[in-house]
Amino acid sequence: MRLRERDKQTVLLCEMTGMEDDVYTWGEATPIRAAVYPAGERLDPQVYGERIGDMRLMLFDGPAALVPGMGVALEGETPGYRIVSVERWAHQRAVLERIPEGRRGGGAEA
């Protein structure tokens, strides 16, 4: 399955540089074009439980490698989601989990 350009949006992909006082710190942000969808019925509720409402799926067909633990900023400069798992098909499929507001931290710069 090929991703359509019209389904993609620009998001920022950030390496996690550490965690201080239960708050994430992020390195340099890299803009990528990816399709992001609500997880809804596409994830197994037995695996993710009640967290499924705070999750998204991200499909990416670019050259960068997605790694669990990376931050993803859908809006703004501070990552609001982190990658929980990655599956590789014709493209990369990442499961994103929302980062609680008080733990998002800062430091991501595009």
PDB file of N, CA and C in Angstrom:
ATOM      1  N   MET A   1       0.838  -1.165   0.000  1.00  0.00           N
ATOM      2  CA  MET A   1       0.000   0.000   0.000  1.00  0.00           C
ATOM      3  C   MET A   1       0.890   1.237   0.000  1.00  0.00           C
ATOM      4  N   ARG A   2       0.638   2.126  -0.892  1.00  0.00           N
ATOM      5  CA  ARG A   2       1.414   3.355  -0.997  1.00  0.00           C
ATOM      6  C   ARG A   2       0.655   4.477  -0.303  1.00  0.00           C
ATOM      7  N   LEU A   3       1.371   5.286   0.452  1.00  0.00           N
ATOM      8  CA  LEU A   3       0.751   6.413   1.136  1.00  0.00           C
ATOM      9  C   LEU A   3       0.528   7.548   0.148  1.00  0.00           C
ATOM     10  N   ARG A   4      -0.654   8.132   0.194  1.00  0.00           N
ATOM     11  CA  ARG A   4      -0.954   9.266  -0.669  1.00  0.00           C
ATOM     12  C   ARG A   4      -0.461  10.548  -0.029  1.00  0.00           C
ATOM     13  N   GLU A   5       0.077  11.424  -0.836  1.00  0.00           N
ATOM     14  CA  GLU A   5       0.599  12.695  -0.336  1.00  0.00           C
ATOM     15  C   GLU A   5      -0.498  13.519   0.327  1.00  0.00           C
ATOM     16  N   ARG A   6      -1.718  13.427  -0.163  1.00  0.00           N
ATOM     17  CA  ARG A   6      -2.816  14.217   0.410  1.00  0.00           C
ATOM     18  C   ARG A   6      -3.172  13.766   1.830  1.00  0.00           C
ATOM     19  N   ASP A   7      -2.807  12.540   2.200  1.00  0.00           N
ATOM     20  CA  ASP A   7      -3.094  12.030   3.539  1.00  0.00           C
ATOM     21  C   ASP A   7      -2.000  12.376   4.544  1.00  0.00           C
ATOM     22  N   LYS A   8      -0.889  12.909   4.056  1.00  0.00           N
ATOM     23  CA  LYS A   8       0.247  13.198   4.934  1.00  0.00           C
ATOM     24  C   LYS A   8       0.173  14.610   5.496  1.00  0.00           C
ATOM     25  N   GLN A   9       0.803  14.779   6.644  1.00  0.00           N
ATOM     26  CA  GLN A   9       0.959  16.101   7.252  1.00  0.00           C
ATOM     27  C   GLN A   9       2.390  16.208   7.750  1.00  0.00           C
ATOM     28  N   THR A  10       2.839  17.418   7.965  1.00  0.00           N
ATOM     29  CA  THR A  10       4.185  17.611   8.498  1.00  0.00           C
ATOM     30  C   THR A  10       4.136  17.478  10.011  1.00  0.00           C
ATOM     31  N   VAL A  11       4.972  16.586  10.541  1.00  0.00           N
ATOM     32  CA  VAL A  11       5.109  16.405  11.984  1.00  0.00           C
ATOM     33  C   VAL A  11       6.595  16.497  12.325  1.00  0.00           C
ATOM     34  N   LEU A  12       6.885  16.771  13.579  1.00  0.00           N
ATOM     35  CA  LEU A  12       8.271  16.834  14.034  1.00  0.00           C
ATOM     36  C   LEU A  12       8.620  15.555  14.773  1.00  0.00           C
ATOM     37  N   LEU A  13       9.730  14.952  14.399  1.00  0.00           N
ATOM     38  CA  LEU A  13      10.238  13.737  15.024  1.00  0.00           C
ATOM     39  C   LEU A  13      11.425  14.132  15.890  1.00  0.00           C
ATOM     40  N   CYS A  14      11.393  13.791  17.189  1.00  0.00           N
ATOM     41  CA  CYS A  14      12.419  14.239  18.137  1.00  0.00           C
ATOM     42  C   CYS A  14      13.015  13.065  18.895  1.00  0.00           C
ATOM     43  N   GLU A  15      14.327  13.075  19.039  1.00  0.00           N
ATOM     44  CA  GLU A  15      15.012  12.099  19.881  1.00  0.00           C
ATOM     45  C   GLU A  15      14.830  12.506  21.340  1.00  0.00           C
ATOM     46  N   MET A  16      14.545  11.532  22.204  1.00  0.00           N
ATOM     47  CA  MET A  16      14.481  11.826  23.631  1.00  0.00           C
ATOM     48  C   MET A  16      15.913  11.871  24.155  1.00  0.00           C
ATOM     49  N   THR A  17      16.290  12.984  24.796  1.00  0.00           N
ATOM     50  CA  THR A  17      17.654  13.118  25.310  1.00  0.00           C
ATOM     51  C   THR A  17      17.750  12.758  26.776  1.00  0.00           C
ATOM     52  N   GLY A  18      16.630  12.685  27.452  1.00  0.00           N
ATOM     53  CA  GLY A  18      16.654  12.312  28.857  1.00  0.00           C
ATOM     54  C   GLY A  18      15.333  12.576  29.525  1.00  0.00           C
ATOM     55  N   MET A  19      15.358  12.378  30.844  1.00  0.00           N
ATOM     56  CA  MET A  19      14.161  12.606  31.646  1.00  0.00           C
ATOM     57  C   MET A  19      14.622  13.187  32.976  1.00  0.00           C
ATOM     58  N   GLU A  20      14.056  14.329  33.339  1.00  0.00           N
ATOM     59  CA  GLU A  20      14.445  14.995  34.568  1.00  0.00           C
ATOM     60  C   GLU A  20      13.188  15.306  35.369  1.00  0.00           C
ATOM     61  N   ASP A  21      13.127  14.836  36.607  1.00  0.00           N
ATOM     62  CA  ASP A  21      11.950  15.031  37.468  1.00  0.00           C
ATOM     63  C   ASP A  21      10.671  14.571  36.785  1.00  0.00           C
ATOM     64  N   ASP A  22      10.723  13.420  36.143  1.00  0.00           N
ATOM     65  CA  ASP A  22       9.571  12.811  35.471  1.00  0.00           C
ATOM     66  C   ASP A  22       9.068  13.626  34.276  1.00  0.00           C
ATOM     67  N   VAL A  23       9.930  14.487  33.703  1.00  0.00           N
ATOM     68  CA  VAL A  23       9.585  15.291  32.532  1.00  0.00           C
ATOM     69  C   VAL A  23      10.606  14.981  31.436  1.00  0.00           C
ATOM     70  N   TYR A  24      10.114  14.721  30.218  1.00  0.00           N
ATOM     71  CA  TYR A  24      10.986  14.393  29.090  1.00  0.00           C
ATOM     72  C   TYR A  24      11.767  15.616  28.627  1.00  0.00           C
ATOM     73  N   THR A  25      12.979  15.386  28.144  1.00  0.00           N
ATOM     74  CA  THR A  25      13.734  16.428  27.451  1.00  0.00           C
ATOM     75  C   THR A  25      14.022  15.908  26.046  1.00  0.00           C
ATOM     76  N   TRP A  26      13.953  16.798  25.069  1.00  0.00           N
ATOM     77  CA  TRP A  26      14.038  16.410  23.665  1.00  0.00           C
ATOM     78  C   TRP A  26      15.211  17.077  22.980  1.00  0.00           C
ATOM     79  N   GLY A  27      15.774  16.379  22.013  1.00  0.00           N
ATOM     80  CA  GLY A  27      16.846  16.912  21.192  1.00  0.00           C
ATOM     81  C   GLY A  27      16.282  17.657  20.001  1.00  0.00           C
ATOM     82  N   GLU A  28      17.103  17.773  18.981  1.00  0.00           N
ATOM     83  CA  GLU A  28      16.721  18.495  17.765  1.00  0.00           C
ATOM     84  C   GLU A  28      15.547  17.809  17.069  1.00  0.00           C
ATOM     85  N   ALA A  29      14.643  18.609  16.549  1.00  0.00           N
ATOM     86  CA  ALA A  29      13.462  18.102  15.851  1.00  0.00           C
ATOM     87  C   ALA A  29      13.723  18.015  14.354  1.00  0.00           C
ATOM     88  N   THR A  30      13.241  16.944  13.744  1.00  0.00           N
ATOM     89  CA  THR A  30      13.359  16.746  12.303  1.00  0.00           C
ATOM     90  C   THR A  30      11.959  16.705  11.703  1.00  0.00           C
ATOM     91  N   PRO A  31      11.629  17.606  10.765  1.00  0.00           N
ATOM     92  CA  PRO A  31      10.306  17.545  10.144  1.00  0.00           C
ATOM     93  C   PRO A  31      10.228  16.381   9.160  1.00  0.00           C
ATOM     94  N   ILE A  32       9.130  15.632   9.238  1.00  0.00           N
ATOM     95  CA  ILE A  32       8.863  14.541   8.298  1.00  0.00           C
ATOM     96  C   ILE A  32       7.421  14.667   7.813  1.00  0.00           C
ATOM     97  N   ARG A  33       7.102  13.989   6.722  1.00  0.00           N
ATOM     98  CA  ARG A  33       5.726  13.938   6.207  1.00  0.00           C
ATOM     99  C   ARG A  33       5.195  12.544   6.479  1.00  0.00           C
ATOM    100  N   ALA A  34       4.121  12.459   7.276  1.00  0.00           N
ATOM    101  CA  ALA A  34       3.548  11.176   7.654  1.00  0.00           C
ATOM    102  C   ALA A  34       2.033  11.302   7.760  1.00  0.00           C
ATOM    103  N   ALA A  35       1.349  10.174   7.655  1.00  0.00           N
ATOM    104  CA  ALA A  35      -0.103  10.126   7.833  1.00  0.00           C
ATOM    105  C   ALA A  35      -0.374   9.683   9.265  1.00  0.00           C
ATOM    106  N   VAL A  36      -1.180  10.459   9.991  1.00  0.00           N
ATOM    107  CA  VAL A  36      -1.494  10.161  11.386  1.00  0.00           C
ATOM    108  C   VAL A  36      -3.008  10.005  11.517  1.00  0.00           C
ATOM    109  N   TYR A  37      -3.422   8.898  12.148  1.00  0.00           N
ATOM    110  CA  TYR A  37      -4.833   8.567  12.298  1.00  0.00           C
ATOM    111  C   TYR A  37      -5.146   8.254  13.755  1.00  0.00           C
ATOM    112  N   PRO A  38      -6.404   8.465  14.195  1.00  0.00           N
ATOM    113  CA  PRO A  38      -6.798   7.965  15.517  1.00  0.00           C
ATOM    114  C   PRO A  38      -6.688   6.439  15.512  1.00  0.00           C
ATOM    115  N   ALA A  39      -6.258   5.867  16.624  1.00  0.00           N
ATOM    116  CA  ALA A  39      -6.059   4.417  16.682  1.00  0.00           C
ATOM    117  C   ALA A  39      -7.387   3.670  16.627  1.00  0.00           C
ATOM    118  N   GLY A  40      -8.374   4.147  17.370  1.00  0.00           N
ATOM    119  CA  GLY A  40      -9.718   3.581  17.364  1.00  0.00           C
ATOM    120  C   GLY A  40      -9.780   2.084  17.264  1.00  0.00           C
ATOM    121  N   GLU A  41     -10.365   1.597  16.184  1.00  0.00           N
ATOM    122  CA  GLU A  41     -10.600   0.163  15.997  1.00  0.00           C
ATOM    123  C   GLU A  41      -9.397  -0.563  15.397  1.00  0.00           C
ATOM    124  N   ARG A  42      -8.330   0.154  15.099  1.00  0.00           N
ATOM    125  CA  ARG A  42      -7.182  -0.466  14.436  1.00  0.00           C
ATOM    126  C   ARG A  42      -6.205  -1.128  15.403  1.00  0.00           C
ATOM    127  N   LEU A  43      -6.354  -0.869  16.706  1.00  0.00           N
ATOM    128  CA  LEU A  43      -5.478  -1.488  17.699  1.00  0.00           C
ATOM    129  C   LEU A  43      -6.275  -2.448  18.563  1.00  0.00           C
ATOM    130  N   ASP A  44      -5.588  -3.429  19.119  1.00  0.00           N
ATOM    131  CA  ASP A  44      -6.213  -4.440  19.967  1.00  0.00           C
ATOM    132  C   ASP A  44      -6.455  -3.881  21.363  1.00  0.00           C
ATOM    133  N   PRO A  45      -7.722  -3.718  21.778  1.00  0.00           N
ATOM    134  CA  PRO A  45      -7.999  -3.170  23.103  1.00  0.00           C
ATOM    135  C   PRO A  45      -7.487  -4.059  24.238  1.00  0.00           C
ATOM    136  N   GLN A  46      -7.297  -5.338  23.984  1.00  0.00           N
ATOM    137  CA  GLN A  46      -6.770  -6.232  25.022  1.00  0.00           C
ATOM    138  C   GLN A  46      -5.308  -5.920  25.317  1.00  0.00           C
ATOM    139  N   VAL A  47      -4.586  -5.386  24.349  1.00  0.00           N
ATOM    140  CA  VAL A  47      -3.178  -5.051  24.545  1.00  0.00           C
ATOM    141  C   VAL A  47      -3.033  -3.680  25.203  1.00  0.00           C
ATOM    142  N   TYR A  48      -3.780  -2.678  24.723  1.00  0.00           N
ATOM    143  CA  TYR A  48      -3.598  -1.306  25.175  1.00  0.00           C
ATOM    144  C   TYR A  48      -4.630  -0.837  26.198  1.00  0.00           C
ATOM    145  N   GLY A  49      -5.725  -1.552  26.371  1.00  0.00           N
ATOM    146  CA  GLY A  49      -6.731  -1.232  27.380  1.00  0.00           C
ATOM    147  C   GLY A  49      -7.314   0.155  27.229  1.00  0.00           C
ATOM    148  N   GLU A  50      -7.491   0.849  28.358  1.00  0.00           N
ATOM    149  CA  GLU A  50      -8.122   2.167  28.360  1.00  0.00           C
ATOM    150  C   GLU A  50      -7.278   3.243  27.695  1.00  0.00           C
ATOM    151  N   ARG A  51      -5.975   2.998  27.531  1.00  0.00           N
ATOM    152  CA  ARG A  51      -5.092   3.983  26.893  1.00  0.00           C
ATOM    153  C   ARG A  51      -5.408   4.166  25.418  1.00  0.00           C
ATOM    154  N   ILE A  52      -6.186   3.278  24.830  1.00  0.00           N
ATOM    155  CA  ILE A  52      -6.415   3.299  23.379  1.00  0.00           C
ATOM    156  C   ILE A  52      -7.029   4.619  22.904  1.00  0.00           C
ATOM    157  N   GLY A  53      -7.771   5.312  23.772  1.00  0.00           N
ATOM    158  CA  GLY A  53      -8.357   6.602  23.396  1.00  0.00           C
ATOM    159  C   GLY A  53      -7.313   7.701  23.238  1.00  0.00           C
ATOM    160  N   ASP A  54      -6.150   7.520  23.846  1.00  0.00           N
ATOM    161  CA  ASP A  54      -5.073   8.511  23.775  1.00  0.00           C
ATOM    162  C   ASP A  54      -3.993   8.103  22.782  1.00  0.00           C
ATOM    163  N   MET A  55      -4.308   7.198  21.877  1.00  0.00           N
ATOM    164  CA  MET A  55      -3.290   6.683  20.963  1.00  0.00           C
ATOM    165  C   MET A  55      -3.609   7.048  19.517  1.00  0.00           C
ATOM    166  N   ARG A  56      -2.564   7.096  18.712  1.00  0.00           N
ATOM    167  CA  ARG A  56      -2.663   7.373  17.281  1.00  0.00           C
ATOM    168  C   ARG A  56      -1.797   6.362  16.531  1.00  0.00           C
ATOM    169  N   LEU A  57      -2.088   6.189  15.251  1.00  0.00           N
ATOM    170  CA  LEU A  57      -1.236   5.401  14.362  1.00  0.00           C
ATOM    171  C   LEU A  57      -0.572   6.356  13.394  1.00  0.00           C
ATOM    172  N   MET A  58       0.699   6.158  13.135  1.00  0.00           N
ATOM    173  CA  MET A  58       1.427   7.003  12.193  1.00  0.00           C
ATOM    174  C   MET A  58       2.034   6.106  11.129  1.00  0.00           C
ATOM    175  N   LEU A  59       1.756   6.418   9.871  1.00  0.00           N
ATOM    176  CA  LEU A  59       2.324   5.686   8.734  1.00  0.00           C
ATOM    177  C   LEU A  59       3.344   6.588   8.064  1.00  0.00           C
ATOM    178  N   PHE A  60       4.538   6.051   7.835  1.00  0.00           N
ATOM    179  CA  PHE A  60       5.641   6.848   7.305  1.00  0.00           C
ATOM    180  C   PHE A  60       6.403   6.016   6.285  1.00  0.00           C
ATOM    181  N   ASP A  61       6.631   6.577   5.100  1.00  0.00           N
ATOM    182  CA  ASP A  61       7.334   5.852   4.040  1.00  0.00           C
ATOM    183  C   ASP A  61       8.657   6.508   3.649  1.00  0.00           C
ATOM    184  N   GLY A  62       9.190   7.339   4.535  1.00  0.00           N
ATOM    185  CA  GLY A  62      10.452   8.024   4.251  1.00  0.00           C
ATOM    186  C   GLY A  62      11.655   7.216   4.707  1.00  0.00           C
ATOM    187  N   PRO A  63      12.838   7.763   4.505  1.00  0.00           N
ATOM    188  CA  PRO A  63      14.069   7.031   4.811  1.00  0.00           C
ATOM    189  C   PRO A  63      14.446   7.006   6.294  1.00  0.00           C
ATOM    190  N   ALA A  64      13.956   7.960   7.093  1.00  0.00           N
ATOM    191  CA  ALA A  64      14.330   7.999   8.514  1.00  0.00           C
ATOM    192  C   ALA A  64      13.779   6.785   9.247  1.00  0.00           C
ATOM    193  N   ALA A  65      14.530   6.297  10.212  1.00  0.00           N
ATOM    194  CA  ALA A  65      14.095   5.149  11.008  1.00  0.00           C
ATOM    195  C   ALA A  65      13.319   5.636  12.222  1.00  0.00           C
ATOM    196  N   LEU A  66      12.115   5.103  12.401  1.00  0.00           N
ATOM    197  CA  LEU A  66      11.321   5.398  13.584  1.00  0.00           C
ATOM    198  C   LEU A  66      11.739   4.423  14.683  1.00  0.00           C
ATOM    199  N   VAL A  67      11.928   4.938  15.891  1.00  0.00           N
ATOM    200  CA  VAL A  67      12.416   4.132  17.004  1.00  0.00           C
ATOM    201  C   VAL A  67      11.505   4.361  18.210  1.00  0.00           C
ATOM    202  N   PRO A  68      11.089   3.287  18.911  1.00  0.00           N
ATOM    203  CA  PRO A  68      10.292   3.488  20.119  1.00  0.00           C
ATOM    204  C   PRO A  68      11.002   4.422  21.098  1.00  0.00           C
ATOM    205  N   GLY A  69      10.224   5.317  21.706  1.00  0.00           N
ATOM    206  CA  GLY A  69      10.770   6.304  22.635  1.00  0.00           C
ATOM    207  C   GLY A  69      10.926   7.679  22.018  1.00  0.00           C
ATOM    208  N   MET A  70      10.943   7.773  20.690  1.00  0.00           N
ATOM    209  CA  MET A  70      11.042   9.075  20.027  1.00  0.00           C
ATOM    210  C   MET A  70       9.759   9.861  20.271  1.00  0.00           C
ATOM    211  N   GLY A  71       9.886  11.185  20.298  1.00  0.00           N
ATOM    212  CA  GLY A  71       8.730  12.053  20.454  1.00  0.00           C
ATOM    213  C   GLY A  71       8.218  12.504  19.104  1.00  0.00           C
ATOM    214  N   VAL A  72       6.913  12.722  19.017  1.00  0.00           N
ATOM    215  CA  VAL A  72       6.282  13.196  17.791  1.00  0.00           C
ATOM    216  C   VAL A  72       5.428  14.408  18.143  1.00  0.00           C
ATOM    217  N   ALA A  73       5.725  15.529  17.506  1.00  0.00           N
ATOM    218  CA  ALA A  73       4.955  16.762  17.706  1.00  0.00           C
ATOM    219  C   ALA A  73       4.009  16.925  16.523  1.00  0.00           C
ATOM    220  N   LEU A  74       2.716  16.773  16.782  1.00  0.00           N
ATOM    221  CA  LEU A  74       1.726  16.927  15.718  1.00  0.00           C
ATOM    222  C   LEU A  74       1.368  18.393  15.519  1.00  0.00           C
ATOM    223  N   GLU A  75       1.328  19.142  16.591  1.00  0.00           N
ATOM    224  CA  GLU A  75       1.033  20.574  16.537  1.00  0.00           C
ATOM    225  C   GLU A  75       2.002  21.273  17.468  1.00  0.00           C
ATOM    226  N   GLY A  76       2.600  22.327  17.040  1.00  0.00           N
ATOM    227  CA  GLY A  76       3.542  23.051  17.892  1.00  0.00           C
ATOM    228  C   GLY A  76       4.924  22.416  17.861  1.00  0.00           C
ATOM    229  N   GLU A  77       5.768  22.824  18.807  1.00  0.00           N
ATOM    230  CA  GLU A  77       7.153  22.381  18.811  1.00  0.00           C
ATOM    231  C   GLU A  77       7.462  21.342  19.879  1.00  0.00           C
ATOM    232  N   THR A  78       6.603  21.195  20.887  1.00  0.00           N
ATOM    233  CA  THR A  78       6.851  20.236  21.954  1.00  0.00           C
ATOM    234  C   THR A  78       6.125  18.931  21.636  1.00  0.00           C
ATOM    235  N   PRO A  79       6.835  17.805  21.657  1.00  0.00           N
ATOM    236  CA  PRO A  79       6.172  16.526  21.358  1.00  0.00           C
ATOM    237  C   PRO A  79       5.032  16.238  22.326  1.00  0.00           C
ATOM    238  N   GLY A  80       3.884  15.917  21.763  1.00  0.00           N
ATOM    239  CA  GLY A  80       2.713  15.555  22.553  1.00  0.00           C
ATOM    240  C   GLY A  80       2.482  14.059  22.554  1.00  0.00           C
ATOM    241  N   TYR A  81       3.234  13.326  21.723  1.00  0.00           N
ATOM    242  CA  TYR A  81       3.116  11.869  21.630  1.00  0.00           C
ATOM    243  C   TYR A  81       4.507  11.252  21.620  1.00  0.00           C
ATOM    244  N   ARG A  82       4.575  10.004  22.024  1.00  0.00           N
ATOM    245  CA  ARG A  82       5.834   9.267  21.910  1.00  0.00           C
ATOM    246  C   ARG A  82       5.546   7.950  21.213  1.00  0.00           C
ATOM    247  N   ILE A  83       6.538   7.441  20.500  1.00  0.00           N
ATOM    248  CA  ILE A  83       6.383   6.182  19.765  1.00  0.00           C
ATOM    249  C   ILE A  83       6.486   5.029  20.754  1.00  0.00           C
ATOM    250  N   VAL A  84       5.472   4.160  20.743  1.00  0.00           N
ATOM    251  CA  VAL A  84       5.427   2.999  21.629  1.00  0.00           C
ATOM    252  C   VAL A  84       5.967   1.764  20.913  1.00  0.00           C
ATOM    253  N   SER A  85       5.597   1.594  19.656  1.00  0.00           N
ATOM    254  CA  SER A  85       6.081   0.444  18.892  1.00  0.00           C
ATOM    255  C   SER A  85       6.129   0.788  17.407  1.00  0.00           C
ATOM    256  N   VAL A  86       6.953   0.039  16.677  1.00  0.00           N
ATOM    257  CA  VAL A  86       7.111   0.261  15.238  1.00  0.00           C
ATOM    258  C   VAL A  86       7.056  -1.090  14.533  1.00  0.00           C
ATOM    259  N   GLU A  87       6.289  -1.156  13.455  1.00  0.00           N
ATOM    260  CA  GLU A  87       6.242  -2.338  12.595  1.00  0.00           C
ATOM    261  C   GLU A  87       6.665  -1.897  11.201  1.00  0.00           C
ATOM    262  N   ARG A  88       7.440  -2.695  10.532  1.00  0.00           N
ATOM    263  CA  ARG A  88       7.898  -2.355   9.192  1.00  0.00           C
ATOM    264  C   ARG A  88       7.189  -3.220   8.159  1.00  0.00           C
ATOM    265  N   TRP A  89       6.468  -2.548   7.253  1.00  0.00           N
ATOM    266  CA  TRP A  89       5.832  -3.192   6.121  1.00  0.00           C
ATOM    267  C   TRP A  89       6.429  -2.522   4.889  1.00  0.00           C
ATOM    268  N   ALA A  90       5.602  -2.206   3.909  1.00  0.00           N
ATOM    269  CA  ALA A  90       6.073  -1.429   2.766  1.00  0.00           C
ATOM    270  C   ALA A  90       6.444  -0.022   3.243  1.00  0.00           C
ATOM    271  N   HIS A  91       5.864   0.360   4.371  1.00  0.00           N
ATOM    272  CA  HIS A  91       6.176   1.619   5.050  1.00  0.00           C
ATOM    273  C   HIS A  91       6.333   1.273   6.534  1.00  0.00           C
ATOM    274  N   GLN A  92       6.605   2.257   7.351  1.00  0.00           N
ATOM    275  CA  GLN A  92       6.717   2.026   8.786  1.00  0.00           C
ATOM    276  C   GLN A  92       5.403   2.430   9.459  1.00  0.00           C
ATOM    277  N   ARG A  93       4.914   1.573  10.345  1.00  0.00           N
ATOM    278  CA  ARG A  93       3.686   1.846  11.085  1.00  0.00           C
ATOM    279  C   ARG A  93       4.062   1.978  12.560  1.00  0.00           C
ATOM    280  N   ALA A  94       3.845   3.165  13.113  1.00  0.00           N
ATOM    281  CA  ALA A  94       4.193   3.412  14.510  1.00  0.00           C
ATOM    282  C   ALA A  94       2.929   3.637  15.319  1.00  0.00           C
ATOM    283  N   VAL A  95       2.904   3.098  16.528  1.00  0.00           N
ATOM    284  CA  VAL A  95       1.829   3.346  17.475  1.00  0.00           C
ATOM    285  C   VAL A  95       2.300   4.469  18.390  1.00  0.00           C
ATOM    286  N   LEU A  96       1.507   5.545  18.472  1.00  0.00           N
ATOM    287  CA  LEU A  96       1.847   6.709  19.277  1.00  0.00           C
ATOM    288  C   LEU A  96       0.958   6.766  20.509  1.00  0.00           C
ATOM    289  N   GLU A  97       1.546   7.137  21.634  1.00  0.00           N
ATOM    290  CA  GLU A  97       0.798   7.306  22.871  1.00  0.00           C
ATOM    291  C   GLU A  97       0.948   8.748  23.325  1.00  0.00           C
ATOM    292  N   ARG A  98      -0.180   9.353  23.743  1.00  0.00           N
ATOM    293  CA  ARG A  98      -0.159  10.742  24.196  1.00  0.00           C
ATOM    294  C   ARG A  98       0.686  10.859  25.466  1.00  0.00           C
ATOM    295  N   ILE A  99       1.521  11.895  25.515  1.00  0.00           N
ATOM    296  CA  ILE A  99       2.318  12.197  26.697  1.00  0.00           C
ATOM    297  C   ILE A  99       1.479  13.121  27.581  1.00  0.00           C
ATOM    298  N   PRO A 100       1.310  12.803  28.862  1.00  0.00           N
ATOM    299  CA  PRO A 100       0.536  13.691  29.743  1.00  0.00           C
ATOM    300  C   PRO A 100       1.096  15.114  29.719  1.00  0.00           C
ATOM    301  N   GLU A 101       0.223  16.087  29.813  1.00  0.00           N
ATOM    302  CA  GLU A 101       0.589  17.508  29.688  1.00  0.00           C
ATOM    303  C   GLU A 101       1.769  17.905  30.576  1.00  0.00           C
ATOM    304  N   GLY A 102       1.820  17.474  31.804  1.00  0.00           N
ATOM    305  CA  GLY A 102       2.872  17.870  32.719  1.00  0.00           C
ATOM    306  C   GLY A 102       4.210  17.183  32.495  1.00  0.00           C
ATOM    307  N   ARG A 103       4.262  16.177  31.601  1.00  0.00           N
ATOM    308  CA  ARG A 103       5.497  15.432  31.366  1.00  0.00           C
ATOM    309  C   ARG A 103       6.124  15.727  30.004  1.00  0.00           C
ATOM    310  N   ARG A 104       5.527  16.612  29.216  1.00  0.00           N
ATOM    311  CA  ARG A 104       5.994  16.856  27.851  1.00  0.00           C
ATOM    312  C   ARG A 104       7.342  17.531  27.783  1.00  0.00           C
ATOM    313  N   GLY A 105       7.651  18.365  28.737  1.00  0.00           N
ATOM    314  CA  GLY A 105       8.963  19.005  28.757  1.00  0.00           C
ATOM    315  C   GLY A 105       9.164  19.943  27.599  1.00  0.00           C
ATOM    316  N   GLY A 106      10.405  20.089  27.191  1.00  0.00           N
ATOM    317  CA  GLY A 106      10.731  20.993  26.097  1.00  0.00           C
ATOM    318  C   GLY A 106      12.089  20.679  25.546  1.00  0.00           C
ATOM    319  N   GLY A 107      12.576  21.567  24.736  1.00  0.00           N
ATOM    320  CA  GLY A 107      13.907  21.390  24.166  1.00  0.00           C
ATOM    321  C   GLY A 107      13.906  21.016  22.714  1.00  0.00           C
ATOM    322  N   ALA A 108      12.765  20.727  22.122  1.00  0.00           N
ATOM    323  CA  ALA A 108      12.725  20.372  20.695  1.00  0.00           C
ATOM    324  C   ALA A 108      12.788  21.652  19.869  1.00  0.00           C
ATOM    325  N   GLU A 109      13.738  21.703  18.963  1.00  0.00           N
ATOM    326  CA  GLU A 109      13.881  22.872  18.098  1.00  0.00           C
ATOM    327  C   GLU A 109      13.992  22.422  16.662  1.00  0.00           C
ATOM    328  N   ALA A 110      13.167  22.995  15.806  1.00  0.00           N
ATOM    329  CA  ALA A 110      13.201  22.616  14.388  1.00  0.00           C
ATOM    330  C   ALA A 110      14.271  23.389  13.667  1.00  0.00           C
TER     331      ALA A 110
END
